Protein backbone atom coordinates (compact mmCIF):
# COMPACT_ATOMS: atom_id res chain seq x y z
CA MET A 1 14.23 -16.18 -10.75
CA ALA A 2 16.99 -18.75 -11.30
CA ASP A 3 16.93 -19.55 -7.60
CA ILE A 4 13.15 -20.05 -7.70
CA HIS A 5 13.51 -22.32 -10.71
CA ALA A 6 16.26 -24.40 -9.07
CA ALA A 7 14.45 -24.62 -5.74
CA SER A 8 11.23 -25.73 -7.43
CA ARG A 9 13.04 -28.32 -9.51
CA ASP A 10 14.89 -29.70 -6.48
CA ALA A 11 11.67 -29.81 -4.45
CA LEU A 12 9.97 -31.76 -7.23
CA ILE A 13 12.81 -34.28 -7.47
CA GLU A 14 12.86 -34.80 -3.69
CA ALA A 15 9.07 -35.10 -3.57
CA ASP A 16 9.09 -37.75 -6.29
CA GLU A 17 11.73 -39.75 -4.43
CA LYS A 18 9.76 -39.66 -1.18
CA PHE A 19 6.53 -40.53 -2.98
CA LYS A 20 8.27 -43.48 -4.59
CA ALA A 21 9.52 -44.60 -1.17
CA GLY A 22 5.99 -44.46 0.24
CA ASP A 23 6.56 -41.49 2.56
CA LEU A 24 3.43 -39.63 1.52
CA ALA A 25 3.48 -36.94 4.20
CA ALA A 26 7.07 -35.98 3.41
CA ALA A 27 6.35 -36.09 -0.32
CA GLU A 28 3.40 -33.72 0.08
CA GLU A 29 5.54 -31.32 2.10
CA CYS A 30 8.14 -31.27 -0.68
CA TYR A 31 5.55 -30.78 -3.45
CA ASN A 32 4.21 -27.81 -1.52
CA LYS A 33 7.68 -26.20 -1.67
CA VAL A 34 7.39 -25.85 -5.44
CA HIS A 35 6.83 -22.19 -6.41
CA PHE A 36 3.75 -22.85 -8.52
CA GLU A 37 3.06 -19.16 -9.23
CA GLU A 38 6.59 -17.80 -9.50
CA CYS A 39 8.46 -20.62 -11.27
CA ASP A 40 8.86 -19.92 -15.00
CA ASP A 41 9.58 -23.56 -15.93
CA ALA A 42 6.19 -24.82 -17.14
CA ASP A 43 7.40 -28.43 -17.20
CA VAL A 44 8.35 -28.35 -13.51
CA VAL A 45 5.05 -26.76 -12.47
CA PHE A 46 3.07 -29.10 -14.72
CA GLN A 47 4.79 -32.18 -13.27
CA ALA A 48 4.36 -30.94 -9.72
CA TYR A 49 0.63 -30.39 -10.18
CA ASN A 50 0.10 -33.81 -11.73
CA ASN A 51 2.24 -35.74 -9.27
CA ARG A 52 0.76 -33.99 -6.27
CA GLY A 53 -2.67 -34.83 -7.67
CA ALA A 54 -1.70 -38.50 -7.82
CA LEU A 55 -0.47 -38.27 -4.23
CA ARG A 56 -3.77 -36.79 -3.14
CA ILE A 57 -5.67 -39.63 -4.78
CA LYS A 58 -3.57 -41.99 -2.68
CA GLN A 59 -4.42 -39.95 0.41
CA GLY A 60 -8.14 -39.98 -0.46
CA SER A 61 -8.31 -36.21 -1.01
CA MET A 62 -10.22 -36.31 -4.29
CA ALA A 63 -11.33 -32.66 -4.32
CA LEU A 64 -7.72 -31.46 -3.97
CA ALA A 65 -6.55 -33.98 -6.57
CA ILE A 66 -9.13 -32.67 -9.03
CA GLU A 67 -7.88 -29.11 -8.45
CA ASP A 68 -4.29 -30.18 -9.17
CA PHE A 69 -5.17 -32.04 -12.38
CA GLU A 70 -7.28 -29.13 -13.63
CA ALA A 71 -4.36 -26.78 -12.95
CA ALA A 72 -2.02 -29.10 -14.87
CA LEU A 73 -4.42 -29.16 -17.83
CA LYS A 74 -4.45 -25.36 -17.98
CA LEU A 75 -0.72 -25.58 -18.68
CA LYS A 76 -0.96 -28.49 -21.13
CA PRO A 77 -4.58 -29.05 -22.23
CA GLY A 78 -3.71 -31.75 -24.75
CA GLU A 79 -2.15 -34.22 -22.30
CA ALA A 80 -4.22 -37.40 -22.55
CA ASP A 81 -2.82 -38.91 -19.39
CA VAL A 82 -3.75 -35.93 -17.24
CA TRP A 83 -7.29 -36.11 -18.58
CA TYR A 84 -7.29 -39.75 -17.50
CA ASN A 85 -6.03 -38.84 -14.03
CA LEU A 86 -8.71 -36.16 -13.73
CA GLY A 87 -11.38 -38.69 -14.72
CA ALA A 88 -10.04 -41.17 -12.17
CA ALA A 89 -10.25 -38.60 -9.37
CA GLN A 90 -13.75 -37.55 -10.42
CA ARG A 91 -14.86 -41.18 -10.58
CA ASN A 92 -13.62 -41.76 -7.04
CA ALA A 93 -15.35 -38.57 -5.89
CA GLY A 94 -18.67 -39.84 -7.24
CA GLN A 95 -18.70 -37.39 -10.16
CA VAL A 96 -19.33 -40.17 -12.66
CA ALA A 97 -20.74 -38.11 -15.54
CA GLU A 98 -17.82 -35.69 -15.26
CA ALA A 99 -15.43 -38.64 -15.24
CA VAL A 100 -16.89 -39.97 -18.50
CA ALA A 101 -16.39 -36.54 -20.07
CA ALA A 102 -12.75 -36.51 -18.91
CA PHE A 103 -12.20 -40.03 -20.27
CA ASP A 104 -13.68 -38.89 -23.59
CA MET A 105 -11.14 -36.04 -23.71
CA CYS A 106 -8.37 -38.50 -22.96
CA LEU A 107 -9.47 -40.82 -25.76
CA ALA A 108 -9.81 -37.94 -28.19
CA ALA A 109 -6.07 -37.39 -27.72
CA SER A 110 -5.12 -41.07 -27.36
CA PRO A 111 -7.86 -43.36 -28.79
CA ASP A 112 -6.11 -46.64 -28.00
CA LEU A 113 -5.29 -46.01 -24.34
CA TYR A 114 -6.49 -49.36 -22.96
CA VAL A 115 -6.79 -48.39 -19.30
CA CYS A 116 -8.93 -45.39 -20.20
CA VAL A 117 -11.22 -47.42 -22.46
CA CYS A 118 -11.75 -49.85 -19.55
CA SER A 119 -12.38 -47.04 -17.07
CA ARG A 120 -14.87 -45.42 -19.40
CA ALA A 121 -16.76 -48.72 -19.77
CA GLU A 122 -16.96 -49.09 -15.99
CA ALA A 123 -18.17 -45.52 -15.53
CA LEU A 124 -20.83 -45.97 -18.22
CA SER A 125 -22.14 -49.00 -16.32
CA ALA A 126 -22.32 -46.94 -13.14
CA LEU A 127 -24.42 -44.38 -15.03
CA GLY A 128 -26.78 -47.10 -16.25
CA ARG A 129 -25.68 -46.67 -19.87
CA ASN A 130 -25.28 -50.40 -20.10
CA ASP A 131 -25.41 -50.88 -23.87
CA ASP A 132 -22.74 -48.20 -24.32
CA ALA A 133 -20.73 -49.90 -21.59
CA VAL A 134 -20.87 -53.23 -23.45
CA GLU A 135 -19.54 -51.59 -26.62
CA ALA A 136 -16.79 -49.79 -24.70
CA ALA A 137 -15.73 -53.01 -22.97
CA LYS A 138 -15.63 -54.87 -26.29
CA ARG A 139 -13.41 -52.08 -27.62
CA ALA A 140 -11.06 -52.59 -24.66
CA ILE A 141 -10.90 -56.32 -25.34
CA SER A 142 -10.10 -55.66 -29.01
CA LEU A 143 -7.15 -53.54 -27.86
CA ASN A 144 -5.82 -56.14 -25.43
CA ALA A 145 -7.45 -59.56 -25.31
CA LYS A 146 -4.85 -60.91 -22.89
CA GLU A 147 -5.74 -58.59 -20.01
CA GLY A 148 -8.61 -59.37 -17.68
CA ARG A 149 -9.88 -55.85 -16.98
CA GLY A 150 -11.77 -55.49 -20.26
CA TYR A 151 -13.57 -58.77 -19.63
CA VAL A 152 -14.47 -57.67 -16.10
CA ALA A 153 -15.95 -54.44 -17.48
CA LEU A 154 -17.88 -56.44 -20.08
CA GLY A 155 -19.14 -58.88 -17.47
CA TYR A 156 -20.41 -56.13 -15.23
CA ALA A 157 -22.16 -54.35 -18.08
CA HIS A 158 -23.91 -57.62 -18.91
CA LEU A 159 -24.86 -58.03 -15.24
CA LYS A 160 -26.51 -54.61 -15.28
CA ARG A 161 -28.43 -55.69 -18.40
CA SER A 162 -29.51 -58.92 -16.62
CA ALA A 163 -27.68 -60.93 -19.29
CA HIS A 164 -26.35 -63.23 -16.59
CA ALA A 165 -25.06 -66.05 -18.80
CA ASP A 166 -23.06 -63.57 -20.91
CA ALA A 167 -21.75 -61.98 -17.72
CA ALA A 168 -20.63 -65.33 -16.35
CA ALA A 169 -18.78 -66.11 -19.59
CA ALA A 170 -17.01 -62.73 -19.53
CA PHE A 171 -15.85 -63.12 -15.93
CA GLU A 172 -14.56 -66.61 -16.70
CA GLU A 173 -12.51 -65.10 -19.53
CA ALA A 174 -11.07 -62.62 -17.05
CA VAL A 175 -10.03 -65.44 -14.73
CA ALA A 176 -8.54 -67.33 -17.69
CA CYS A 177 -6.44 -64.24 -18.46
CA GLY A 178 -4.89 -64.52 -15.01
CA ASP A 179 -7.17 -62.23 -13.03
CA ASP A 180 -7.64 -64.44 -9.98
CA THR A 181 -8.38 -61.58 -7.59
CA ALA A 182 -11.07 -62.09 -4.98
CA ALA A 183 -13.16 -59.33 -6.56
CA THR A 184 -13.28 -60.97 -9.98
CA LYS A 185 -13.97 -64.40 -8.53
CA GLN A 186 -16.83 -62.91 -6.53
CA LEU A 187 -18.31 -61.41 -9.69
CA ALA A 188 -17.87 -64.69 -11.58
CA SER A 189 -19.67 -66.52 -8.78
CA LEU A 190 -22.48 -63.97 -8.69
CA ALA A 191 -23.06 -64.09 -12.44
CA ALA A 192 -23.06 -67.90 -12.54
CA SER A 193 -25.46 -68.02 -9.60
CA LEU A 194 -27.88 -65.58 -11.25
CA ALA A 195 -27.70 -67.50 -14.52
CA ALA A 196 -28.46 -70.67 -12.56
CA ASP A 197 -31.45 -68.99 -10.93
CA ALA A 198 -32.83 -68.11 -14.36
CA GLU A 199 -32.43 -71.71 -15.57
CA ALA A 200 -34.10 -73.02 -12.42
CA ARG A 201 -37.04 -70.68 -12.83
CA ALA A 202 -37.44 -71.94 -16.39
CA GLY A 203 -37.45 -75.54 -15.15
CA HIS A 204 -34.06 -76.35 -16.71
CA PHE A 205 -32.79 -78.04 -13.58
CA ASP A 206 -29.79 -79.86 -15.05
CA ALA A 207 -28.41 -76.64 -16.55
CA ALA A 208 -29.07 -74.81 -13.29
CA ILE A 209 -27.29 -77.47 -11.25
CA GLY A 210 -24.18 -77.15 -13.42
CA LEU A 211 -24.13 -73.38 -13.08
CA TYR A 212 -24.61 -73.51 -9.32
CA GLY A 213 -21.59 -75.80 -9.16
CA LYS A 214 -19.49 -73.23 -11.04
CA ALA A 215 -20.79 -70.46 -8.80
CA LEU A 216 -19.78 -72.35 -5.68
CA ASP A 217 -16.35 -73.13 -7.13
CA ARG A 218 -15.71 -69.38 -7.45
CA ALA A 219 -17.40 -68.35 -4.20
CA GLU A 220 -15.53 -67.62 -1.00
CA ASP A 221 -16.22 -70.41 1.47
CA GLY A 222 -18.47 -69.31 4.29
CA SER A 223 -19.40 -65.99 2.72
CA ALA A 224 -23.00 -64.79 2.74
CA SER A 225 -23.18 -64.98 -1.06
CA ALA A 226 -21.90 -68.58 -1.03
CA THR A 227 -24.53 -69.52 1.55
CA THR A 228 -27.29 -67.98 -0.55
CA THR A 229 -26.06 -69.76 -3.67
CA ARG A 230 -25.87 -73.08 -1.85
CA TYR A 231 -29.42 -72.65 -0.53
CA ASN A 232 -30.79 -72.02 -4.03
CA TYR A 233 -28.74 -74.98 -5.26
CA ALA A 234 -30.39 -77.18 -2.63
CA LEU A 235 -33.89 -76.09 -3.70
CA THR A 236 -33.07 -76.85 -7.33
CA LEU A 237 -31.73 -80.30 -6.45
CA MET A 238 -34.98 -80.98 -4.59
CA ASN A 239 -37.05 -79.87 -7.56
CA ALA A 240 -34.93 -82.10 -9.79
CA GLY A 241 -35.80 -85.10 -7.62
CA LYS A 242 -32.35 -85.37 -6.04
CA ALA A 243 -33.55 -85.34 -2.45
CA ASP A 244 -30.46 -86.86 -0.82
CA GLU A 245 -28.15 -84.34 -2.47
CA SER A 246 -30.53 -81.53 -1.56
CA LEU A 247 -30.56 -82.50 2.11
CA ALA A 248 -26.76 -82.61 2.14
CA GLN A 249 -26.59 -79.07 0.72
CA LEU A 250 -29.17 -77.75 3.18
CA LYS A 251 -27.10 -79.16 6.04
CA GLU A 252 -24.04 -77.36 4.66
CA VAL A 253 -26.03 -74.13 4.56
CA LEU A 254 -26.90 -74.54 8.23
CA ALA A 255 -23.30 -75.42 9.07
CA ALA A 256 -22.32 -72.02 7.66
CA ASP A 257 -25.30 -70.12 9.11
CA ASN A 258 -27.27 -71.96 11.78
CA GLU A 259 -29.88 -69.19 11.86
CA HIS A 260 -30.76 -69.41 8.17
CA ALA A 261 -34.53 -69.51 8.62
CA GLU A 262 -35.31 -70.55 5.05
CA ALA A 263 -32.89 -73.47 5.20
CA HIS A 264 -34.36 -74.71 8.49
CA ASN A 265 -37.83 -74.52 6.96
CA ALA A 266 -36.78 -76.30 3.76
CA LEU A 267 -34.92 -79.03 5.63
CA GLY A 268 -37.84 -79.50 8.02
CA LEU A 269 -40.27 -79.94 5.14
CA ALA A 270 -37.95 -82.37 3.39
CA LEU A 271 -37.58 -84.48 6.53
CA LEU A 272 -41.33 -84.37 7.06
CA SER A 273 -41.93 -85.68 3.55
CA ARG A 274 -39.41 -88.47 4.19
CA GLY A 275 -41.27 -89.67 7.29
CA ASP A 276 -39.03 -88.20 9.98
CA PRO A 277 -41.37 -85.82 11.82
CA ALA A 278 -39.22 -85.69 14.96
CA ALA A 279 -36.20 -84.28 13.12
CA ALA A 280 -38.52 -82.13 11.01
CA ARG A 281 -40.11 -80.65 14.13
CA ASP A 282 -36.76 -79.46 15.45
CA HIS A 283 -35.91 -77.57 12.25
CA LEU A 284 -39.43 -76.21 11.80
CA ALA A 285 -39.38 -74.95 15.38
CA VAL A 286 -36.20 -72.98 14.65
CA ALA A 287 -37.67 -71.64 11.40
CA SER A 288 -40.78 -70.49 13.25
CA ARG A 289 -38.73 -68.91 16.04
CA LEU A 290 -36.66 -66.95 13.53
CA ALA A 291 -39.77 -65.81 11.67
CA PRO A 292 -42.49 -65.55 14.34
CA ASP A 293 -44.87 -63.64 12.08
CA ASP A 294 -44.77 -66.25 9.30
CA VAL A 295 -48.01 -68.22 9.65
CA GLU A 296 -46.98 -70.85 7.08
CA ARG A 297 -43.98 -71.89 9.15
CA LEU A 298 -46.12 -72.00 12.27
CA TYR A 299 -48.63 -74.18 10.44
CA ASN A 300 -45.86 -76.53 9.26
CA LEU A 301 -44.66 -76.90 12.83
CA GLY A 302 -48.22 -77.81 13.81
CA VAL A 303 -48.33 -80.52 11.13
CA ALA A 304 -45.06 -82.01 12.42
CA LYS A 305 -46.44 -82.09 15.96
CA LEU A 306 -49.66 -83.67 14.70
CA LYS A 307 -47.68 -86.42 12.97
CA LEU A 308 -45.92 -87.02 16.29
CA LYS A 309 -49.37 -87.27 17.96
CA GLU A 310 -48.62 -84.19 20.07
CA LEU A 311 -52.23 -83.13 19.67
CA GLY A 312 -52.33 -80.43 22.32
CA ASP A 313 -49.26 -78.69 20.93
CA ALA A 314 -50.48 -79.13 17.37
CA ALA A 315 -53.85 -77.61 18.20
CA ASP A 316 -52.07 -74.72 19.90
CA MET A 317 -50.00 -74.10 16.74
CA PHE A 318 -53.10 -74.05 14.54
CA LYS A 319 -54.87 -71.70 16.97
CA GLN A 320 -51.90 -69.32 16.86
CA VAL A 321 -52.05 -69.36 13.07
CA LEU A 322 -55.75 -68.51 13.13
CA ASP A 323 -55.13 -65.74 15.65
CA LYS A 324 -52.70 -64.18 13.17
CA ASP A 325 -54.68 -65.07 10.04
CA PRO A 326 -58.34 -66.04 10.60
CA SER A 327 -58.69 -66.92 6.91
CA HIS A 328 -56.01 -69.64 7.00
CA ALA A 329 -58.17 -72.52 5.75
CA MET A 330 -55.68 -75.36 6.28
CA SER A 331 -55.23 -74.52 9.96
CA LYS A 332 -58.99 -74.37 10.44
CA GLU A 333 -59.41 -77.79 8.81
CA ALA A 334 -56.61 -79.27 10.90
CA LEU A 335 -58.05 -77.86 14.11
CA ASP A 336 -61.54 -79.10 13.18
CA ALA A 337 -60.11 -82.58 12.57
CA ILE A 338 -58.43 -82.64 15.98
CA ASN A 339 -61.62 -81.42 17.63
CA SER A 340 -63.68 -84.05 15.78
CA VAL A 341 -61.50 -86.88 16.98
CA SER A 342 -61.46 -85.48 20.52
CA ALA A 343 -65.26 -85.19 20.50
CA ALA A 344 -65.67 -88.73 19.19
CA ALA A 345 -63.37 -90.08 21.88
CA ALA A 346 -65.17 -88.12 24.57
CA SER A 347 -68.57 -89.39 23.43
CA LYS A 348 -67.39 -92.95 24.08
CA LYS A 349 -65.68 -91.90 27.28
CA GLN A 350 -62.31 -92.64 25.76
CA PRO A 351 -59.98 -89.90 26.93
CA VAL A 352 -57.53 -88.73 24.36
CA VAL A 353 -54.08 -89.27 25.81
CA GLU A 354 -51.46 -87.15 24.16
CA GLY A 355 -48.77 -89.31 22.63
CA SER A 356 -51.09 -92.32 22.03
CA ALA A 357 -54.52 -91.29 20.64
CA PRO A 358 -55.85 -94.61 19.26
CA ALA A 359 -58.40 -92.86 17.05
CA THR A 360 -56.88 -89.48 16.29
CA ALA A 361 -56.63 -87.19 13.32
CA GLU A 362 -53.16 -88.58 12.74
CA ASN A 363 -54.43 -92.14 12.52
CA THR A 364 -56.80 -91.04 9.80
CA ILE A 365 -54.20 -89.11 7.85
CA ASN A 366 -54.36 -89.57 4.11
CA ASN A 367 -51.04 -88.77 2.50
CA ASN A 368 -52.41 -88.15 -0.95
CA GLY A 369 -53.24 -84.53 -0.06
CA THR A 370 -56.79 -84.69 -1.42
CA GLY A 371 -58.18 -82.36 1.21
CA ASP A 372 -61.26 -84.57 1.84
CA PRO A 373 -63.39 -83.25 4.72
CA PRO A 374 -63.01 -84.83 8.18
CA PRO A 375 -65.52 -87.47 9.32
CA PRO A 376 -68.57 -86.20 11.21
CA PRO A 377 -68.18 -86.09 15.01
CA LYS A 378 -70.74 -88.86 15.57
CA GLN A 379 -68.81 -91.34 13.47
CA GLN A 380 -65.64 -92.93 14.86
CA ALA A 381 -62.84 -92.88 12.33
CA THR A 382 -61.10 -96.19 11.82
CA ALA A 383 -57.59 -97.02 10.84
CA THR A 384 -58.76 -98.60 7.61
CA LYS A 385 -60.76 -95.64 6.41
CA LYS A 386 -58.74 -92.74 5.04
CA SER A 387 -59.99 -89.22 5.52
CA TRP A 388 -58.66 -85.68 5.63
CA SER A 389 -55.02 -85.13 6.40
CA PRO A 390 -53.36 -81.76 6.99
CA LYS A 391 -50.70 -81.06 4.43
CA PRO A 392 -47.65 -78.92 5.25
CA ALA A 393 -48.02 -75.51 3.70
CA ASP A 394 -45.08 -76.15 1.43
CA GLU A 395 -45.43 -79.89 0.84
CA PRO A 396 -46.83 -81.11 -2.53
CA ALA A 397 -49.83 -83.36 -2.71
CA LYS A 398 -48.27 -86.08 -4.86
CA PRO A 399 -44.48 -86.00 -4.77
CA ALA A 400 -44.27 -89.26 -6.72
CA LYS A 401 -45.79 -87.69 -9.81
CA LYS A 402 -44.45 -84.18 -9.62
CA PRO A 403 -41.01 -82.92 -8.52
CA TRP A 404 -41.16 -81.72 -4.94
CA SER A 405 -41.18 -77.99 -4.52
CA GLN A 406 -41.84 -75.66 -1.68
CA LYS A 407 -43.12 -72.24 -0.93
CA LEU A 408 -41.27 -70.19 1.64
CA ALA A 409 -42.42 -66.87 3.03
CA ASP A 410 -40.30 -64.89 0.62
CA GLU A 411 -39.67 -67.55 -2.01
CA PRO A 412 -42.52 -68.89 -4.16
CA ALA A 413 -43.31 -72.52 -4.70
CA LYS A 414 -42.90 -72.37 -8.46
CA PRO A 415 -39.77 -70.50 -9.44
CA ALA A 416 -40.98 -70.36 -13.04
CA LYS A 417 -43.72 -67.97 -11.99
CA LYS A 418 -41.82 -65.75 -9.61
CA PRO A 419 -38.11 -65.49 -8.75
CA TRP A 420 -37.36 -67.13 -5.45
CA SER A 421 -33.73 -66.24 -5.22
CA PRO A 422 -32.11 -63.07 -3.89
CA LYS A 423 -31.52 -60.10 -6.13
CA PRO A 424 -27.96 -59.56 -7.41
CA ALA A 425 -25.48 -57.94 -5.13
CA GLU A 426 -23.81 -55.36 -7.03
CA PRO A 427 -20.28 -54.94 -5.78
CA LYS A 428 -18.74 -51.55 -5.74
CA PRO A 429 -15.44 -51.10 -7.56
CA ALA A 430 -12.13 -50.43 -6.03
CA ASP A 431 -11.10 -46.81 -6.26
CA GLU A 432 -10.33 -45.69 -9.78
CA PRO A 433 -6.53 -45.69 -10.04
CA PRO A 434 -4.64 -42.69 -11.39
CA LYS A 435 -2.78 -43.23 -14.62
CA PRO A 436 0.75 -41.86 -14.84
CA LEU A 437 1.87 -39.38 -17.43
CA LYS A 438 4.16 -39.99 -20.33
CA LYS A 439 6.41 -37.14 -19.29
CA THR A 440 5.96 -37.00 -15.53
CA TRP A 441 6.33 -39.29 -12.58
CA SER A 442 3.11 -40.83 -11.32
CA PRO A 443 2.04 -44.08 -9.66
CA LYS A 444 0.87 -47.23 -11.33
CA PRO A 445 -2.85 -47.98 -11.40
CA ALA A 446 -4.08 -48.97 -7.93
CA GLU A 447 -0.65 -48.64 -6.31
CA PRO A 448 1.05 -45.22 -6.35
CA LYS A 449 4.51 -46.44 -7.21
CA PRO A 450 6.60 -45.30 -10.18
CA ALA A 451 6.66 -47.45 -13.27
CA ASP A 452 10.44 -47.49 -13.54
CA GLU A 453 13.45 -46.81 -11.36
CA PRO A 454 14.26 -43.10 -11.89
CA PRO A 455 17.65 -42.09 -13.18
CA LYS A 456 19.66 -40.03 -10.76
CA PRO A 457 19.59 -36.30 -11.60
CA ALA A 458 23.08 -35.11 -12.45
CA GLY A 459 23.82 -31.49 -11.76
CA ALA A 460 21.69 -28.45 -11.04
CA ALA A 461 20.97 -27.78 -14.69
CA LYS A 462 19.35 -31.17 -15.31
CA LYS A 463 15.53 -31.26 -15.47
CA PRO A 464 13.54 -33.51 -13.13
CA TRP A 465 13.17 -37.14 -14.05
CA PRO A 466 10.30 -37.82 -16.47
CA PRO A 467 9.29 -41.46 -15.92
CA LYS A 468 7.34 -43.47 -18.47
CA PRO A 469 3.61 -44.04 -18.04
CA ALA A 470 2.53 -47.21 -16.30
CA GLU A 471 0.43 -49.15 -18.80
CA ALA A 472 -1.89 -51.84 -17.56
CA ALA A 473 0.79 -54.48 -17.92
CA GLY A 474 0.59 -55.62 -14.31
CA PRO A 475 2.08 -54.50 -11.04
CA GLU A 476 5.75 -54.32 -10.35
CA PRO A 477 7.23 -56.96 -8.04
CA GLY A 478 5.81 -56.68 -4.56
CA ALA A 479 2.99 -54.34 -5.56
CA ALA A 480 -0.61 -55.33 -5.06
CA ALA A 481 -2.43 -56.24 -8.26
CA ALA A 482 -5.04 -53.79 -9.44
CA GLU A 483 -8.55 -54.97 -8.73
CA PRO A 484 -10.84 -53.15 -11.15
CA LYS A 485 -14.46 -53.69 -10.17
CA PRO A 486 -17.39 -52.02 -11.86
CA ALA A 487 -19.75 -50.36 -9.46
CA ALA A 488 -23.33 -50.20 -8.38
CA ALA A 489 -24.81 -46.78 -7.73
CA PRO A 490 -24.11 -45.78 -4.10
CA PHE A 491 -26.86 -46.33 -1.55
CA LYS A 492 -28.92 -43.24 -0.77
CA GLY A 493 -30.84 -43.37 2.50
CA ASP A 494 -32.45 -40.96 4.91
CA LYS A 495 -29.33 -40.69 7.05
CA GLU A 496 -25.71 -39.93 6.39
CA TYR A 497 -23.52 -42.82 7.55
CA ALA A 498 -19.78 -42.35 7.90
CA PHE A 499 -18.01 -45.41 6.52
CA HIS A 500 -15.90 -47.56 8.84
CA PRO A 501 -14.21 -50.93 8.25
CA TYR A 502 -16.03 -54.07 9.33
CA SER A 503 -13.40 -54.76 12.01
CA GLU A 504 -14.34 -51.52 13.83
CA LEU A 505 -18.07 -52.27 13.78
CA GLN A 506 -18.21 -55.83 15.12
CA SER A 507 -19.41 -56.61 18.64
CA PRO A 508 -18.60 -55.96 21.44
CA GLY A 509 -17.08 -52.59 20.59
CA PRO A 510 -16.06 -49.93 21.46
CA TYR A 511 -17.25 -48.21 18.28
CA PRO A 512 -16.29 -44.94 16.59
CA GLU A 513 -18.10 -41.90 17.98
CA ASP A 514 -20.03 -41.12 14.77
CA VAL A 515 -21.57 -44.61 14.54
CA TYR A 516 -25.27 -45.31 15.07
CA ILE A 517 -24.91 -48.23 17.50
CA HIS A 518 -28.02 -50.11 16.38
CA GLU A 519 -27.39 -49.51 12.68
CA ARG A 520 -23.72 -50.37 12.55
CA GLU A 521 -24.11 -52.38 9.35
CA MET A 522 -25.07 -49.20 7.48
CA HIS A 523 -21.63 -47.74 8.27
CA LEU A 524 -19.99 -50.36 6.02
CA SER A 525 -18.95 -49.13 2.60
CA ASP A 526 -21.27 -50.27 -0.19
CA GLU A 527 -18.63 -52.76 -1.35
CA GLU A 528 -17.91 -54.22 2.09
CA PHE A 529 -21.65 -54.33 2.86
CA VAL A 530 -22.17 -56.74 -0.06
CA GLN A 531 -19.26 -58.89 1.11
CA VAL A 532 -20.52 -59.06 4.72
CA ILE A 533 -24.32 -59.07 4.35
CA GLY A 534 -24.58 -60.69 0.91
CA VAL A 535 -26.93 -58.16 -0.71
CA THR A 536 -26.86 -54.45 -1.54
CA LYS A 537 -28.10 -51.87 0.94
CA ASP A 538 -31.10 -51.10 -1.27
CA VAL A 539 -32.22 -54.73 -0.99
CA TYR A 540 -31.36 -55.00 2.71
CA VAL A 541 -33.49 -52.03 3.82
CA LYS A 542 -36.57 -53.82 2.44
CA TRP A 543 -36.00 -56.92 4.58
CA ALA A 544 -38.27 -57.72 7.51
CA LYS A 545 -36.87 -56.82 10.94
CA TRP A 546 -36.46 -60.47 11.98
CA LYS A 547 -34.42 -61.16 8.90
CA LYS A 548 -32.20 -58.13 9.46
CA ASP A 549 -31.70 -59.09 13.11
CA GLY A 550 -30.74 -62.64 12.20
CA LYS A 551 -28.14 -61.44 9.72
CA LYS A 552 -26.76 -58.90 12.19
CA ARG A 553 -26.41 -61.60 14.85
CA SER A 554 -24.54 -63.92 12.49
CA THR A 555 -22.15 -61.12 11.45
CA LYS A 556 -21.60 -59.70 14.97
CA LEU A 557 -23.32 -56.45 14.08
CA PHE A 558 -26.32 -56.87 16.40
């Protein structure tokens, strides 16, 4: 029995050393040499179960980690830190309700354990218990107001409650505490952008403009979320009467994503309203190509061609609109106007020459948008008499009296009536880190490395090293900082998609064998999907095919 005890103790010490050195395979082999059933030293067996569980979290084997932590708790059921580790493994395994129960057991034994209070708040958010999550996060902040994790948990709980301004303030507090991780900055940008959207919908354009600026300051340049924020910013500037600034922002959107159909449409309409139909036509043509089933964009392209006196092309555009939507009144009126002018010219034997048209619908255009009917065919319209003029589908009748606004296919003309911005992308958190024990060796949160340098065991009779727990005081030198991120519920679709990193899914391949070639984007993890596509999978699956294809092309997933 003494030999079994000594062998188990030595195996544990060697395993801890190899785990600390980052040799996970060798560490696991040594942990497995512990005589879990035969060894009569409960401390050795307890430590071996817990530390092997932490190793298995690092290896991604959550089910085995849970088994080890449960075995450790049978030996010492009152150990708060093991309850925390169990909750962390369950959280990573998707057993969120079970994780909350484990965190509750941990806090029953150690009520002020900051990292557990934070983890519980994050798990409550994932369960949709958002009010409870807010209270839990506030409790974490009361325990340690200098750490960012509590503020991140609070911000995410507010996001889930759609309290976007409160969320933005909480994330800014996290950044002020020194949490400058990409994950927290992304959340700060998202919250500020959503708060800006709410202000814009309410018509508070100055407040919205300020918030969009903050959102862009925190956003990652060139990311899908930054592009979306900048597009909404441009629309708000336009509604606020700041047309030059709006055009500049729209051009930046297109510099980041030249197939952004909404930006092409918005820029085309803006240029059309500023009297530059040639430039407008180019952008409206791209918008129509990217959304071939959108009759409003096709109609707008027809208006641009009409203003350029390209009557044949304009008429063709209006006919295509009516083929798709026979009830489209503006296209019918525009086509009738062209036909009236053509008939009048023909009656006087004056052929209508495309590109000149001395008495065309364009020459009779009235820019006040009154919608007056066209002149009768028998009466020749004159340049001095104003009559009906086709108005772009998204162009206001009197921009001088009312701030310009537009209606895109999936974004309404009046944000106050209906949100025109994308729904929030709910980032998924980083894996829940294991928390080390007070009396056993275990890695720091997010990086399985020991909290302290272990003392060297002296002699066969000495017990294995019991390192201190790693509180959330920050990583040791050289270790990656923990990036706690509260989570959205995982996407549930009709298929099972094995997750692969973005780098393995980009064109031209080759791709992993278990990947659906034409649905490669769905093999991204929920977190990476938001970073690459800019929205959650639940939002993405509702997009039109043309919109999905455009995004897949721009991200090399087509």
